[in-house]
């Protein structure tokens, strides 16, 4: 037996096994006709549900059954605990109270963060340094000079702005959560 025929034979067996397994697994939906194996004059094998010109029909596989309809999603297990309306209402009221308290506390923290930012903007970062200078009389003397530390000031403002932004996001999230309860 030549290797080409052996190769085609193995391919044919694998394809038939695939079609059989796939049809049993429901991969294929409804098929209108049988799938047949055809061999042409050059020995090429073709599987088709439509007749192939100049090819000999060898065998056919029965029509595939239509795929079963998709299963409906279940809402949960049958033994899933159910909560009566009054218990749920009580839970919602407790949740609303907790969220209201959290919202009030977060709004207070936001107000404090905004005050700290405003205060930080008013107070630049400075440091003092003892410097020796020559006086008008030509004698050296030590004086204290004040310098601004711009990078430290900018870092302080960035941190305070980040703190304000964090509290603003928290307030926004709590307000959104409160809307879900209405």
Protein backbone atom coordinates (compact mmCIF):
# COMPACT_ATOMS: atom_id res chain seq x y z
CA UNK A 1 0.00 0.00 0.00
CA UNK A 2 1.51 3.33 -0.96
CA UNK A 3 1.98 6.04 1.67
CA UNK A 4 -0.35 8.51 -0.05
CA UNK A 5 -3.33 6.16 0.19
CA UNK A 6 -2.41 5.30 3.76
CA UNK A 7 -2.27 9.03 4.63
CA UNK A 8 -5.66 9.68 3.00
CA UNK A 9 -7.08 6.63 4.73
CA UNK A 10 -5.96 7.92 8.13
CA UNK A 11 -7.34 11.37 7.36
CA UNK A 12 -10.65 9.83 6.32
CA UNK A 13 -10.89 7.77 9.50
CA UNK A 14 -10.03 10.79 11.65
CA UNK A 15 -12.58 12.94 9.82
CA UNK A 16 -15.31 10.33 10.20
CA UNK A 17 -14.49 10.01 13.91
CA UNK A 18 -14.59 13.81 14.28
CA UNK A 19 -17.94 14.08 12.50
CA UNK A 20 -19.36 11.26 14.59
CA UNK A 21 -18.13 12.73 17.89
CA UNK A 22 -19.15 16.25 16.96
CA UNK A 23 -22.63 15.17 16.00
CA UNK A 24 -23.05 13.29 19.28
CA UNK A 25 -21.77 16.31 21.22
CA UNK A 26 -24.29 18.60 19.53
CA UNK A 27 -21.64 20.71 17.79
CA UNK A 28 -23.55 20.64 14.54
CA UNK A 29 -26.96 22.20 14.24
CA UNK A 30 -29.58 20.82 11.90
CA UNK A 31 -28.23 19.40 8.65
CA UNK A 32 -30.45 19.33 5.61
CA UNK A 33 -28.80 16.38 3.86
CA UNK A 34 -26.58 13.39 4.43
CA UNK A 35 -22.81 13.90 4.37
CA UNK A 36 -21.23 11.63 1.79
CA UNK A 37 -17.69 10.55 1.03
CA UNK A 38 -16.62 11.06 -2.59
CA UNK A 39 -13.43 9.95 -4.37
CA UNK A 40 -12.40 11.55 -7.67
CA UNK A 41 -10.31 10.02 -10.50
CA UNK A 42 -7.04 11.22 -8.88
CA UNK A 43 -7.88 9.59 -5.53
CA UNK A 44 -8.75 12.77 -3.65
CA UNK A 45 -11.38 12.25 -0.98
CA UNK A 46 -14.07 14.86 -0.35
CA UNK A 47 -16.81 14.90 2.27
CA UNK A 48 -19.83 16.92 1.23
CA UNK A 49 -23.59 17.16 1.48
CA UNK A 50 -23.66 18.23 -2.19
CA UNK A 51 -22.78 15.76 -4.98
CA UNK A 52 -19.21 16.24 -6.31
CA UNK A 53 -18.69 16.28 -10.11
CA UNK A 54 -16.60 13.49 -11.60
CA UNK A 55 -16.37 11.68 -8.28
CA UNK A 56 -17.67 8.36 -7.06
CA UNK A 57 -19.90 8.28 -3.95
CA UNK A 58 -18.51 5.71 -1.52
CA UNK A 59 -20.61 6.03 1.63
CA UNK A 60 -22.91 8.46 3.45
CA UNK A 61 -23.41 9.37 7.06
CA UNK A 62 -27.00 9.76 8.22
CA UNK A 63 -28.40 13.23 8.72
CA UNK A 64 -27.42 14.82 11.95
CA UNK A 65 -30.13 15.50 14.47
CA UNK A 66 -30.76 19.15 15.22
CA UNK A 67 -29.03 20.54 18.26
CA UNK A 68 -31.20 20.65 21.35
CA UNK A 69 -32.63 24.06 22.21
CA UNK A 70 -30.45 26.10 24.60
CA UNK A 71 -31.19 25.57 28.25
CA UNK A 72 -32.85 28.43 30.07
CA UNK A 73 -30.75 30.02 32.75
CA UNK A 74 -31.87 29.05 36.19
CA UNK A 75 -32.46 31.81 38.69
CA UNK A 76 -30.63 29.85 41.35
CA UNK A 77 -30.72 26.53 43.08
CA UNK A 78 -34.11 25.34 44.23
CA UNK A 79 -32.92 25.32 47.84
CA UNK A 80 -31.55 28.88 47.66
CA UNK A 81 -32.77 30.77 50.74
CA UNK A 82 -35.56 33.23 50.08
CA UNK A 83 -36.07 36.40 52.10
CA UNK A 84 -39.56 37.72 52.73
CA UNK A 85 -40.38 41.33 51.88
CA UNK A 86 -40.42 42.62 55.47
CA UNK A 87 -37.00 41.12 56.26
CA UNK A 88 -35.58 42.60 53.05
CA UNK A 89 -37.07 45.99 53.89
CA UNK A 90 -35.43 45.86 57.34
CA UNK A 91 -32.09 44.94 55.77
CA UNK A 92 -32.40 47.81 53.28
CA UNK A 93 -33.16 50.29 56.07
CA UNK A 94 -30.13 49.15 58.07
CA UNK A 95 -27.96 49.40 54.98
CA UNK A 96 -29.31 52.87 54.20
CA UNK A 97 -28.54 54.00 57.78
CA UNK A 98 -24.97 52.64 57.63
CA UNK A 99 -24.35 54.23 54.23
CA UNK A 100 -25.77 57.56 55.44
CA UNK A 101 -23.41 57.54 58.43
CA UNK A 102 -20.44 56.64 56.23
CA UNK A 103 -21.40 59.38 53.76
CA UNK A 104 -21.63 62.02 56.51
CA UNK A 105 -18.24 60.99 57.93
CA UNK A 106 -16.63 61.01 54.48
CA UNK A 107 -18.08 64.44 53.69
CA UNK A 108 -16.55 65.72 56.94
CA UNK A 109 -13.17 64.23 56.01
CA UNK A 110 -13.47 65.86 52.57
CA UNK A 111 -14.14 69.26 54.16
CA UNK A 112 -11.10 68.83 56.42
CA UNK A 113 -8.92 67.81 53.46
CA UNK A 114 -10.03 70.88 51.51
CA UNK A 115 -9.17 73.12 54.49
CA UNK A 116 -5.76 71.47 54.80
CA UNK A 117 -5.13 72.06 51.08
CA UNK A 118 -6.09 75.72 51.34
CA UNK A 119 -3.92 76.12 54.43
CA UNK A 120 -1.03 74.40 52.66
CA UNK A 121 -1.32 76.78 49.72
CA UNK A 122 -1.09 79.74 52.09
CA UNK A 123 2.06 78.48 53.81
CA UNK A 124 4.97 77.96 51.49
CA UNK A 125 7.77 75.67 52.62
CA UNK A 126 10.64 77.82 53.88
CA UNK A 127 13.84 77.28 55.76
CA UNK A 128 16.30 79.60 57.42
CA UNK A 129 20.02 79.53 56.97
CA UNK A 130 22.86 81.34 58.73
CA UNK A 131 24.92 83.19 56.13
CA UNK A 132 28.08 85.24 56.55
CA UNK A 133 27.97 88.56 54.69
CA UNK A 134 30.26 91.53 54.54
CA UNK A 135 28.79 94.59 56.15
CA UNK A 136 29.11 98.18 54.95
CA UNK A 137 31.98 98.65 57.32
CA UNK A 138 33.85 95.78 55.59
CA UNK A 139 33.57 93.43 58.56
CA UNK A 140 31.96 90.00 58.14
CA UNK A 141 28.82 89.34 60.09
CA UNK A 142 26.38 86.41 60.36
CA UNK A 143 22.78 86.96 59.31
CA UNK A 144 19.81 84.63 59.05
CA UNK A 145 18.25 84.41 55.59
CA UNK A 146 14.96 82.75 54.69
CA UNK A 147 14.72 80.55 51.58
CA UNK A 148 11.78 78.88 49.86
CA UNK A 149 11.90 75.15 49.21
CA UNK A 150 9.82 74.99 46.04
CA UNK A 151 10.10 71.24 45.43
CA UNK A 152 9.01 70.44 48.98
CA UNK A 153 6.08 72.87 48.64
CA UNK A 154 4.97 71.30 45.32
CA UNK A 155 5.18 67.81 46.82
CA UNK A 156 3.09 68.89 49.82
CA UNK A 157 0.42 70.40 47.52
CA UNK A 158 0.34 67.26 45.32
CA UNK A 159 -0.22 65.09 48.40
CA UNK A 160 -2.96 67.36 49.73
CA UNK A 161 -4.69 67.45 46.30
CA UNK A 162 -4.53 63.64 46.11
CA UNK A 163 -6.13 63.43 49.55
CA UNK A 164 -8.97 65.74 48.45
CA UNK A 165 -9.47 63.72 45.25
CA UNK A 166 -9.60 60.45 47.24
CA UNK A 167 -12.32 61.79 49.55
CA UNK A 168 -14.26 63.17 46.56
CA UNK A 169 -14.22 59.71 44.94
CA UNK A 170 -15.38 58.13 48.21
CA UNK A 171 -18.28 60.57 48.50
CA UNK A 172 -19.23 59.93 44.87
CA UNK A 173 -19.15 56.15 45.39
CA UNK A 174 -21.27 56.37 48.54
CA UNK A 175 -23.82 58.59 46.77
CA UNK A 176 -24.02 56.08 43.92
CA UNK A 177 -24.51 53.26 46.42
CA UNK A 178 -27.31 55.22 48.07
CA UNK A 179 -29.06 55.61 44.70
CA UNK A 180 -29.28 51.82 44.39
CA UNK A 181 -31.39 51.69 47.54
CA UNK A 182 -34.08 54.02 46.24
